[in-house]
Amino acid sequence: QVQLVESGGGSVQSGGSLRLSCAASGYTYSSYCMGWFRQAPGKEREGVAAIDRDGSTTYADSVKGRFTISQDNAKNTLYLQMNSLKPEDTAMYYCAAGVVLRPLEKSEYDYWGQGTQVTVSS
């Protein structure tokens, strides 16, 4: 019933930018907190950024000042603008939704997209 579909990933050189999108369907978008997570090979999935129903945002220290999370409630779409990309940002990026207490904790989220690959070369 609930579907999250990411898009916008790709390959860029260090210092470049990408904008990821997450299209949500099957539920009332404004009922949930939304987050972006990423997972590199051999590593655990980690929280990148989250946005609450009131518009408040939370960022991982590693991306603060470079990434911006936003949402368009009318379009049921979540975005992640990624600037000044670094090779260590290379990962599969996932969109997630849930009613959460800890916005960057993956176990708090109930619904997940399939992921979109981001690759940053040095």
N, C-alpha and C. Protein backbone atom coordinates (compact mmCIF):
# COMPACT_ATOMS: atom_id res chain seq x y z
N GLN A 1 0.82 -1.19 0.00
CA GLN A 1 0.00 0.00 0.00
C GLN A 1 0.86 1.26 0.00
N VAL A 2 1.82 1.35 0.93
CA VAL A 2 2.72 2.49 1.00
C VAL A 2 3.91 2.22 0.09
N GLN A 3 4.18 3.15 -0.81
CA GLN A 3 5.31 3.03 -1.72
C GLN A 3 6.16 4.29 -1.69
N LEU A 4 7.47 4.10 -1.67
CA LEU A 4 8.44 5.18 -1.76
C LEU A 4 9.40 4.84 -2.89
N VAL A 5 9.56 5.75 -3.84
CA VAL A 5 10.40 5.51 -5.01
C VAL A 5 11.40 6.64 -5.15
N GLU A 6 12.70 6.30 -5.01
CA GLU A 6 13.77 7.28 -5.14
C GLU A 6 14.20 7.42 -6.59
N SER A 7 14.73 8.60 -6.91
CA SER A 7 15.32 8.85 -8.22
C SER A 7 16.33 9.98 -8.09
N GLY A 8 17.14 10.17 -9.12
CA GLY A 8 18.07 11.28 -9.16
C GLY A 8 19.52 10.93 -8.89
N GLY A 9 19.80 9.68 -8.55
CA GLY A 9 21.18 9.27 -8.32
C GLY A 9 21.97 9.24 -9.61
N GLY A 10 23.29 9.11 -9.46
CA GLY A 10 24.16 9.07 -10.61
C GLY A 10 25.61 9.16 -10.19
N SER A 11 26.47 9.38 -11.17
CA SER A 11 27.91 9.49 -10.94
C SER A 11 28.37 10.92 -11.18
N VAL A 12 29.10 11.48 -10.22
CA VAL A 12 29.63 12.83 -10.32
C VAL A 12 31.05 12.85 -9.79
N GLN A 13 31.78 13.90 -10.15
CA GLN A 13 33.11 14.11 -9.60
C GLN A 13 33.02 14.85 -8.27
N SER A 14 34.05 14.73 -7.47
CA SER A 14 34.07 15.41 -6.18
C SER A 14 33.86 16.91 -6.38
N GLY A 15 33.07 17.50 -5.48
CA GLY A 15 32.71 18.90 -5.60
C GLY A 15 31.42 19.14 -6.36
N GLY A 16 30.90 18.12 -7.02
CA GLY A 16 29.68 18.25 -7.79
C GLY A 16 28.43 18.18 -6.95
N SER A 17 27.28 18.25 -7.63
CA SER A 17 25.98 18.27 -6.95
C SER A 17 25.02 17.28 -7.58
N LEU A 18 24.09 16.80 -6.77
CA LEU A 18 22.97 15.98 -7.21
C LEU A 18 21.75 16.33 -6.38
N ARG A 19 20.56 16.15 -6.95
CA ARG A 19 19.33 16.28 -6.19
C ARG A 19 18.55 14.98 -6.29
N LEU A 20 18.33 14.35 -5.14
CA LEU A 20 17.55 13.13 -5.07
C LEU A 20 16.09 13.47 -4.80
N SER A 21 15.19 12.66 -5.36
CA SER A 21 13.76 12.81 -5.13
C SER A 21 13.19 11.50 -4.62
N CYS A 22 12.15 11.59 -3.82
CA CYS A 22 11.43 10.43 -3.31
C CYS A 22 9.95 10.69 -3.48
N ALA A 23 9.31 9.94 -4.36
CA ALA A 23 7.88 10.06 -4.59
C ALA A 23 7.14 9.08 -3.71
N ALA A 24 6.20 9.59 -2.91
CA ALA A 24 5.45 8.77 -1.96
C ALA A 24 4.02 8.59 -2.43
N SER A 25 3.46 7.41 -2.17
CA SER A 25 2.07 7.14 -2.50
C SER A 25 1.49 6.12 -1.53
N GLY A 26 0.16 6.05 -1.46
CA GLY A 26 -0.49 5.05 -0.65
C GLY A 26 -0.78 5.45 0.78
N TYR A 27 -0.45 6.68 1.15
CA TYR A 27 -0.72 7.17 2.49
C TYR A 27 -0.76 8.68 2.48
N THR A 28 -1.18 9.26 3.61
CA THR A 28 -1.17 10.71 3.75
C THR A 28 0.23 11.15 4.10
N TYR A 29 0.88 11.80 3.16
CA TYR A 29 2.29 12.16 3.30
C TYR A 29 2.57 12.94 4.57
N SER A 30 1.71 13.89 4.89
CA SER A 30 1.94 14.77 6.04
C SER A 30 1.80 14.07 7.38
N SER A 31 1.37 12.81 7.40
CA SER A 31 1.22 12.07 8.65
C SER A 31 2.54 11.53 9.18
N TYR A 32 3.60 11.55 8.38
CA TYR A 32 4.86 10.91 8.71
C TYR A 32 6.03 11.88 8.73
N CYS A 33 7.03 11.53 9.53
CA CYS A 33 8.35 12.10 9.38
C CYS A 33 9.04 11.39 8.20
N MET A 34 9.90 12.11 7.50
CA MET A 34 10.59 11.56 6.34
C MET A 34 12.10 11.69 6.54
N GLY A 35 12.83 10.70 6.05
CA GLY A 35 14.27 10.72 6.20
C GLY A 35 15.01 10.16 5.01
N TRP A 36 16.27 10.55 4.89
CA TRP A 36 17.20 9.97 3.92
C TRP A 36 18.29 9.22 4.67
N PHE A 37 18.56 8.01 4.21
CA PHE A 37 19.61 7.17 4.76
C PHE A 37 20.52 6.73 3.64
N ARG A 38 21.72 6.26 3.98
CA ARG A 38 22.63 5.76 2.97
C ARG A 38 23.39 4.55 3.50
N GLN A 39 23.80 3.70 2.57
CA GLN A 39 24.54 2.50 2.93
C GLN A 39 25.61 2.22 1.88
N ALA A 40 26.86 2.21 2.32
CA ALA A 40 27.98 1.86 1.47
C ALA A 40 28.30 0.38 1.64
N PRO A 41 28.97 -0.24 0.67
CA PRO A 41 29.31 -1.67 0.79
C PRO A 41 30.09 -1.96 2.06
N GLY A 42 29.66 -2.98 2.80
CA GLY A 42 30.34 -3.37 4.03
C GLY A 42 30.04 -2.52 5.24
N LYS A 43 29.16 -1.53 5.11
CA LYS A 43 28.83 -0.65 6.22
C LYS A 43 27.34 -0.72 6.53
N GLU A 44 26.98 -0.32 7.74
CA GLU A 44 25.59 -0.27 8.14
C GLU A 44 24.90 0.95 7.53
N ARG A 45 23.59 0.82 7.39
CA ARG A 45 22.80 1.95 6.91
C ARG A 45 22.81 3.06 7.96
N GLU A 46 23.07 4.29 7.53
CA GLU A 46 23.18 5.40 8.45
C GLU A 46 22.26 6.55 8.05
N GLY A 47 21.78 7.28 9.04
CA GLY A 47 20.92 8.42 8.80
C GLY A 47 21.70 9.59 8.24
N VAL A 48 21.13 10.26 7.25
CA VAL A 48 21.74 11.41 6.60
C VAL A 48 21.01 12.70 6.97
N ALA A 49 19.69 12.70 6.79
CA ALA A 49 18.88 13.88 7.05
C ALA A 49 17.44 13.46 7.27
N ALA A 50 16.69 14.26 8.03
CA ALA A 50 15.28 13.97 8.28
C ALA A 50 14.51 15.27 8.41
N ILE A 51 13.22 15.20 8.10
CA ILE A 51 12.34 16.36 8.23
C ILE A 51 11.05 15.92 8.88
N ASP A 52 10.63 16.67 9.90
CA ASP A 52 9.44 16.34 10.66
C ASP A 52 8.21 16.98 10.03
N ARG A 53 7.06 16.63 10.56
CA ARG A 53 5.80 17.14 10.02
C ARG A 53 5.67 18.65 10.14
N ASP A 54 6.36 19.24 11.11
CA ASP A 54 6.32 20.69 11.28
C ASP A 54 7.39 21.41 10.46
N GLY A 55 8.17 20.65 9.68
CA GLY A 55 9.20 21.23 8.85
C GLY A 55 10.57 21.31 9.48
N SER A 56 10.71 20.95 10.74
CA SER A 56 12.01 20.97 11.39
C SER A 56 12.92 19.89 10.79
N THR A 57 14.21 20.18 10.72
CA THR A 57 15.15 19.29 10.06
C THR A 57 16.27 18.85 10.99
N THR A 58 16.83 17.68 10.68
CA THR A 58 17.96 17.13 11.41
C THR A 58 18.96 16.59 10.40
N TYR A 59 20.26 16.86 10.62
CA TYR A 59 21.31 16.41 9.71
C TYR A 59 22.41 15.68 10.46
N ALA A 60 22.97 14.68 9.81
CA ALA A 60 24.19 14.08 10.31
C ALA A 60 25.32 15.09 10.22
N ASP A 61 26.24 15.05 11.19
CA ASP A 61 27.36 15.99 11.19
C ASP A 61 28.17 15.92 9.90
N SER A 62 28.26 14.74 9.31
CA SER A 62 29.08 14.55 8.12
C SER A 62 28.56 15.28 6.89
N VAL A 63 27.28 15.66 6.88
CA VAL A 63 26.69 16.31 5.72
C VAL A 63 26.19 17.72 6.01
N LYS A 64 26.24 18.13 7.25
CA LYS A 64 25.73 19.44 7.64
C LYS A 64 26.46 20.55 6.89
N GLY A 65 25.69 21.46 6.31
CA GLY A 65 26.26 22.54 5.52
C GLY A 65 26.42 22.21 4.06
N ARG A 66 26.29 20.94 3.69
CA ARG A 66 26.42 20.52 2.29
C ARG A 66 25.12 19.99 1.71
N PHE A 67 24.33 19.30 2.53
CA PHE A 67 23.07 18.70 2.08
C PHE A 67 21.89 19.48 2.65
N THR A 68 20.79 19.51 1.90
CA THR A 68 19.56 20.14 2.35
C THR A 68 18.38 19.23 2.06
N ILE A 69 17.59 18.92 3.09
CA ILE A 69 16.38 18.12 2.92
C ILE A 69 15.19 19.07 2.83
N SER A 70 14.25 18.75 1.95
CA SER A 70 13.05 19.55 1.80
C SER A 70 11.91 18.66 1.33
N GLN A 71 10.70 19.18 1.36
CA GLN A 71 9.54 18.41 0.94
C GLN A 71 8.51 19.31 0.29
N ASP A 72 7.74 18.71 -0.61
CA ASP A 72 6.63 19.37 -1.26
C ASP A 72 5.40 18.54 -0.95
N ASN A 73 4.63 18.96 0.04
CA ASN A 73 3.47 18.18 0.48
C ASN A 73 2.41 18.04 -0.61
N ALA A 74 2.25 19.07 -1.44
CA ALA A 74 1.26 19.02 -2.51
C ALA A 74 1.59 17.93 -3.52
N LYS A 75 2.87 17.65 -3.72
CA LYS A 75 3.31 16.64 -4.67
C LYS A 75 3.66 15.31 -4.01
N ASN A 76 3.55 15.23 -2.69
CA ASN A 76 3.95 14.03 -1.94
C ASN A 76 5.38 13.61 -2.31
N THR A 77 6.28 14.57 -2.30
CA THR A 77 7.65 14.32 -2.73
C THR A 77 8.66 14.88 -1.73
N LEU A 78 9.68 14.10 -1.46
CA LEU A 78 10.79 14.47 -0.60
C LEU A 78 12.02 14.67 -1.45
N TYR A 79 12.87 15.63 -1.08
CA TYR A 79 14.08 15.93 -1.84
C TYR A 79 15.30 15.93 -0.94
N LEU A 80 16.45 15.64 -1.53
CA LEU A 80 17.73 15.82 -0.87
C LEU A 80 18.67 16.50 -1.86
N GLN A 81 18.97 17.77 -1.62
CA GLN A 81 19.94 18.49 -2.43
C GLN A 81 21.32 18.25 -1.84
N MET A 82 22.22 17.71 -2.65
CA MET A 82 23.56 17.36 -2.20
C MET A 82 24.58 18.20 -2.97
N ASN A 83 25.29 19.06 -2.25
CA ASN A 83 26.32 19.90 -2.84
C ASN A 83 27.68 19.54 -2.27
N SER A 84 28.73 19.99 -2.94
CA SER A 84 30.10 19.75 -2.50
C SER A 84 30.33 18.28 -2.17
N LEU A 85 29.92 17.41 -3.07
CA LEU A 85 29.99 15.98 -2.83
C LEU A 85 31.43 15.50 -2.71
N LYS A 86 31.63 14.52 -1.84
CA LYS A 86 32.92 13.92 -1.57
C LYS A 86 32.87 12.43 -1.88
N PRO A 87 34.02 11.80 -2.16
CA PRO A 87 34.02 10.36 -2.41
C PRO A 87 33.40 9.55 -1.28
N GLU A 88 33.54 10.00 -0.04
CA GLU A 88 32.95 9.29 1.08
C GLU A 88 31.43 9.36 1.12
N ASP A 89 30.82 10.18 0.26
CA ASP A 89 29.37 10.21 0.13
C ASP A 89 28.85 9.09 -0.76
N THR A 90 29.73 8.35 -1.41
CA THR A 90 29.33 7.25 -2.29
C THR A 90 28.57 6.20 -1.50
N ALA A 91 27.35 5.89 -1.93
CA ALA A 91 26.50 4.94 -1.22
C ALA A 91 25.20 4.76 -1.99
N MET A 92 24.43 3.76 -1.58
CA MET A 92 23.04 3.66 -1.99
C MET A 92 22.23 4.52 -1.03
N TYR A 93 21.43 5.41 -1.58
CA TYR A 93 20.63 6.32 -0.77
C TYR A 93 19.18 5.88 -0.75
N TYR A 94 18.59 5.84 0.45
CA TYR A 94 17.24 5.35 0.65
C TYR A 94 16.36 6.42 1.28
N CYS A 95 15.14 6.48 0.82
CA CYS A 95 14.10 7.31 1.41
C CYS A 95 13.31 6.46 2.40
N ALA A 96 12.90 7.06 3.53
CA ALA A 96 12.15 6.33 4.54
C ALA A 96 11.07 7.20 5.15
N ALA A 97 10.02 6.56 5.68
CA ALA A 97 8.92 7.27 6.32
C ALA A 97 8.52 6.55 7.61
N GLY A 98 8.10 7.31 8.61
CA GLY A 98 7.65 6.74 9.85
C GLY A 98 7.25 7.79 10.86
N VAL A 99 6.68 7.34 11.97
CA VAL A 99 6.39 8.21 13.10
C VAL A 99 7.50 7.94 14.10
N VAL A 100 8.44 8.86 14.23
CA VAL A 100 9.71 8.56 14.89
C VAL A 100 9.97 9.48 16.08
N LEU A 101 10.82 8.97 16.99
CA LEU A 101 11.34 9.76 18.10
C LEU A 101 12.77 10.20 17.83
N ARG A 102 13.54 9.35 17.17
CA ARG A 102 14.94 9.63 16.84
C ARG A 102 15.06 9.70 15.32
N PRO A 103 15.12 10.88 14.75
CA PRO A 103 14.96 11.03 13.29
C PRO A 103 16.06 10.44 12.44
N LEU A 104 17.26 10.19 12.97
CA LEU A 104 18.34 9.60 12.19
C LEU A 104 18.61 8.14 12.54
N GLU A 105 17.70 7.52 13.27
CA GLU A 105 17.85 6.12 13.66
C GLU A 105 17.01 5.25 12.74
N LYS A 106 17.66 4.37 11.99
CA LYS A 106 16.96 3.58 10.98
C LYS A 106 15.87 2.68 11.54
N SER A 107 16.03 2.21 12.78
CA SER A 107 15.05 1.32 13.37
C SER A 107 13.73 2.01 13.67
N GLU A 108 13.70 3.32 13.63
CA GLU A 108 12.49 4.08 13.91
C GLU A 108 11.53 4.11 12.72
N TYR A 109 12.00 3.79 11.53
CA TYR A 109 11.21 3.98 10.33
C TYR A 109 10.50 2.70 9.90
N ASP A 110 9.31 2.87 9.35
CA ASP A 110 8.45 1.75 8.97
C ASP A 110 8.47 1.43 7.48
N TYR A 111 8.69 2.41 6.64
CA TYR A 111 8.58 2.23 5.20
C TYR A 111 9.85 2.71 4.51
N TRP A 112 10.26 1.96 3.47
CA TRP A 112 11.52 2.22 2.78
C TRP A 112 11.36 2.13 1.28
N GLY A 113 12.11 2.96 0.56
CA GLY A 113 12.20 2.85 -0.88
C GLY A 113 13.25 1.84 -1.29
N GLN A 114 13.43 1.69 -2.60
CA GLN A 114 14.34 0.68 -3.13
C GLN A 114 15.78 1.16 -3.22
N GLY A 115 16.00 2.45 -3.10
CA GLY A 115 17.33 3.02 -3.14
C GLY A 115 17.73 3.56 -4.50
N THR A 116 18.61 4.56 -4.49
CA THR A 116 19.20 5.09 -5.71
C THR A 116 20.69 5.29 -5.47
N GLN A 117 21.52 4.86 -6.42
CA GLN A 117 22.96 4.85 -6.23
C GLN A 117 23.57 6.22 -6.50
N VAL A 118 24.44 6.65 -5.59
CA VAL A 118 25.23 7.86 -5.76
C VAL A 118 26.70 7.47 -5.72
N THR A 119 27.44 7.83 -6.76
CA THR A 119 28.86 7.54 -6.84
C THR A 119 29.63 8.83 -7.07
N VAL A 120 30.61 9.11 -6.21
CA VAL A 120 31.40 10.34 -6.29
C VAL A 120 32.86 9.94 -6.49
N SER A 121 33.45 10.36 -7.59
CA SER A 121 34.83 10.03 -7.89
C SER A 121 35.75 11.16 -7.45
N SER A 122 36.98 10.80 -7.10
CA SER A 122 37.95 11.78 -6.64
C SER A 122 38.64 12.47 -7.80
